[in-house]
Amino acid sequence: MKGKNPHIGSSLDDFLAEEGILEECEALALKEILASQIEQAMKEQGMNKVQMARRMRTSRSQLDRLLDPKHTTVKLETMQRAAAILGKRIQLDLVDAPASH
């Protein structure tokens, strides 16, 4: 008989923390959400990537990095600038982390 799985009954956050990748996964998720929302706003406004890059005064490749969920080193200032061009703003909140078990 196999041993009991130590992860059964634990939360995904607990598992990711045990693996040492919780913060990395959270950063990826946040970036993916922001990039998706910026792309959606661009579509709603009929703005393509060339137009957006021009309005941001940056290159198309820089915009591609901003919109790439896996590229997490984009500065928050750059994300804010993109949001402002689209008539939006970024709102972040600090929330309590779940208690460790």
C-alpha atoms as a PDB file:
ATOM      1  CA  MET A   1       0.000   0.000   0.000  1.00  0.00           C
ATOM      2  CA  LYS A   2       1.303   3.418  -0.946  1.00  0.00           C
ATOM      3  CA  GLY A   3       2.031   6.121   1.633  1.00  0.00           C
ATOM      4  CA  LYS A   4      -0.477   8.839   2.344  1.00  0.00           C
ATOM      5  CA  ASN A   5      -0.191  11.896   0.078  1.00  0.00           C
ATOM      6  CA  PRO A   6       0.849  14.844   2.302  1.00  0.00           C
ATOM      7  CA  HIS A   7      -0.852  17.330  -0.060  1.00  0.00           C
ATOM      8  CA  ILE A   8      -4.373  15.891   0.144  1.00  0.00           C
ATOM      9  CA  GLY A   9      -6.524  18.365   2.012  1.00  0.00           C
ATOM     10  CA  SER A  10      -4.033  21.197   1.747  1.00  0.00           C
ATOM     11  CA  SER A  11      -4.700  24.337  -0.260  1.00  0.00           C
ATOM     12  CA  LEU A  12      -2.998  25.163  -3.533  1.00  0.00           C
ATOM     13  CA  ASP A  13      -1.275  28.078  -1.788  1.00  0.00           C
ATOM     14  CA  ASP A  14       0.079  25.686   0.859  1.00  0.00           C
ATOM     15  CA  PHE A  15       1.382  23.332  -1.818  1.00  0.00           C
ATOM     16  CA  LEU A  16       3.036  26.133  -3.808  1.00  0.00           C
ATOM     17  CA  ALA A  17       4.584  27.546  -0.634  1.00  0.00           C
ATOM     18  CA  GLU A  18       5.975  24.106   0.277  1.00  0.00           C
ATOM     19  CA  GLU A  19       7.479  23.901  -3.202  1.00  0.00           C
ATOM     20  CA  GLY A  20       8.978  27.388  -2.762  1.00  0.00           C
ATOM     21  CA  ILE A  21       7.175  28.851  -5.778  1.00  0.00           C
ATOM     22  CA  LEU A  22       4.154  30.650  -4.309  1.00  0.00           C
ATOM     23  CA  GLU A  23       5.471  34.189  -4.854  1.00  0.00           C
ATOM     24  CA  GLU A  24       6.583  33.381  -8.401  1.00  0.00           C
ATOM     25  CA  CYS A  25       3.163  31.936  -9.254  1.00  0.00           C
ATOM     26  CA  GLU A  26       1.377  34.930  -7.747  1.00  0.00           C
ATOM     27  CA  ALA A  27       3.557  37.327  -9.775  1.00  0.00           C
ATOM     28  CA  LEU A  28       2.789  35.400 -12.961  1.00  0.00           C
ATOM     29  CA  ALA A  29      -0.933  35.443 -12.210  1.00  0.00           C
ATOM     30  CA  LEU A  30      -0.958  39.187 -11.519  1.00  0.00           C
ATOM     31  CA  LYS A  31       0.979  39.935 -14.700  1.00  0.00           C
ATOM     32  CA  GLU A  32      -1.331  37.717 -16.743  1.00  0.00           C
ATOM     33  CA  ILE A  33      -4.411  39.487 -15.377  1.00  0.00           C
ATOM     34  CA  LEU A  34      -3.002  42.964 -16.052  1.00  0.00           C
ATOM     35  CA  ALA A  35      -1.790  42.049 -19.543  1.00  0.00           C
ATOM     36  CA  SER A  36      -5.153  40.512 -20.373  1.00  0.00           C
ATOM     37  CA  GLN A  37      -7.039  43.569 -19.152  1.00  0.00           C
ATOM     38  CA  ILE A  38      -4.798  45.904 -21.177  1.00  0.00           C
ATOM     39  CA  GLU A  39      -5.277  43.781 -24.308  1.00  0.00           C
ATOM     40  CA  GLN A  40      -9.041  43.717 -23.751  1.00  0.00           C
ATOM     41  CA  ALA A  41      -9.168  47.515 -23.375  1.00  0.00           C
ATOM     42  CA  MET A  42      -7.124  47.869 -26.569  1.00  0.00           C
ATOM     43  CA  LYS A  43      -9.608  45.660 -28.443  1.00  0.00           C
ATOM     44  CA  GLU A  44     -12.592  47.544 -27.027  1.00  0.00           C
ATOM     45  CA  GLN A  45     -11.070  50.805 -28.248  1.00  0.00           C
ATOM     46  CA  GLY A  46     -10.079  49.369 -31.625  1.00  0.00           C
ATOM     47  CA  MET A  47      -6.402  49.987 -30.954  1.00  0.00           C
ATOM     48  CA  ASN A  48      -3.806  47.652 -32.447  1.00  0.00           C
ATOM     49  CA  LYS A  49      -0.320  47.027 -31.068  1.00  0.00           C
ATOM     50  CA  VAL A  50       1.388  49.416 -33.490  1.00  0.00           C
ATOM     51  CA  GLN A  51      -0.938  52.250 -32.457  1.00  0.00           C
ATOM     52  CA  MET A  52      -0.549  51.441 -28.771  1.00  0.00           C
ATOM     53  CA  ALA A  53       3.249  51.296 -28.994  1.00  0.00           C
ATOM     54  CA  ARG A  54       3.267  54.644 -30.811  1.00  0.00           C
ATOM     55  CA  ARG A  55       1.062  56.259 -28.140  1.00  0.00           C
ATOM     56  CA  MET A  56       3.310  54.829 -25.406  1.00  0.00           C
ATOM     57  CA  ARG A  57       6.366  56.141 -27.277  1.00  0.00           C
ATOM     58  CA  THR A  58       7.926  52.694 -27.227  1.00  0.00           C
ATOM     59  CA  SER A  59       8.672  49.874 -29.641  1.00  0.00           C
ATOM     60  CA  ARG A  60       6.320  47.110 -30.660  1.00  0.00           C
ATOM     61  CA  SER A  61       8.718  44.583 -29.074  1.00  0.00           C
ATOM     62  CA  GLN A  62       8.530  46.473 -25.756  1.00  0.00           C
ATOM     63  CA  LEU A  63       4.741  46.369 -25.950  1.00  0.00           C
ATOM     64  CA  ASP A  64       4.893  42.638 -26.691  1.00  0.00           C
ATOM     65  CA  ARG A  65       6.931  42.152 -23.489  1.00  0.00           C
ATOM     66  CA  LEU A  66       4.376  44.196 -21.554  1.00  0.00           C
ATOM     67  CA  LEU A  67       1.572  41.969 -22.875  1.00  0.00           C
ATOM     68  CA  ASP A  68       3.484  38.694 -22.383  1.00  0.00           C
ATOM     69  CA  PRO A  69       2.247  37.124 -19.119  1.00  0.00           C
ATOM     70  CA  LYS A  70       5.534  35.239 -18.662  1.00  0.00           C
ATOM     71  CA  HIS A  71       7.626  38.411 -18.816  1.00  0.00           C
ATOM     72  CA  THR A  72       7.257  39.598 -15.210  1.00  0.00           C
ATOM     73  CA  THR A  73      10.076  42.142 -15.149  1.00  0.00           C
ATOM     74  CA  VAL A  74       7.996  44.913 -16.743  1.00  0.00           C
ATOM     75  CA  LYS A  75       7.952  47.929 -14.431  1.00  0.00           C
ATOM     76  CA  LEU A  76       4.708  48.872 -12.747  1.00  0.00           C
ATOM     77  CA  GLU A  77       5.255  52.400 -14.089  1.00  0.00           C
ATOM     78  CA  THR A  78       5.103  51.022 -17.647  1.00  0.00           C
ATOM     79  CA  MET A  79       1.892  49.132 -16.896  1.00  0.00           C
ATOM     80  CA  GLN A  80       0.411  52.312 -15.406  1.00  0.00           C
ATOM     81  CA  ARG A  81       1.372  54.305 -18.500  1.00  0.00           C
ATOM     82  CA  ALA A  82      -0.329  51.738 -20.748  1.00  0.00           C
ATOM     83  CA  ALA A  83      -3.444  51.828 -18.575  1.00  0.00           C
ATOM     84  CA  ALA A  84      -3.539  55.643 -18.629  1.00  0.00           C
ATOM     85  CA  ILE A  85      -3.340  55.721 -22.425  1.00  0.00           C
ATOM     86  CA  LEU A  86      -6.412  53.513 -22.438  1.00  0.00           C
ATOM     87  CA  GLY A  87      -8.232  55.790 -19.987  1.00  0.00           C
ATOM     88  CA  LYS A  88      -7.753  53.307 -17.150  1.00  0.00           C
ATOM     89  CA  ARG A  89      -5.746  53.093 -13.958  1.00  0.00           C
ATOM     90  CA  ILE A  90      -4.272  50.189 -12.044  1.00  0.00           C
ATOM     91  CA  GLN A  91      -5.626  49.594  -8.565  1.00  0.00           C
ATOM     92  CA  LEU A  92      -3.757  47.300  -6.184  1.00  0.00           C
ATOM     93  CA  ASP A  93      -4.722  46.278  -2.671  1.00  0.00           C
ATOM     94  CA  LEU A  94      -2.736  44.603   0.065  1.00  0.00           C
ATOM     95  CA  VAL A  95      -4.615  41.713   1.633  1.00  0.00           C
ATOM     96  CA  ASP A  96      -3.767  39.486   4.559  1.00  0.00           C
ATOM     97  CA  ALA A  97      -1.912  36.334   3.600  1.00  0.00           C
ATOM     98  CA  PRO A  98      -3.554  33.080   4.624  1.00  0.00           C
ATOM     99  CA  ALA A  99      -2.299  31.756   7.944  1.00  0.00           C
ATOM    100  CA  SER A 100       0.298  29.004   7.676  1.00  0.00           C
ATOM    101  CA  HIS A 101      -0.763  25.598   8.915  1.00  0.00           C
END
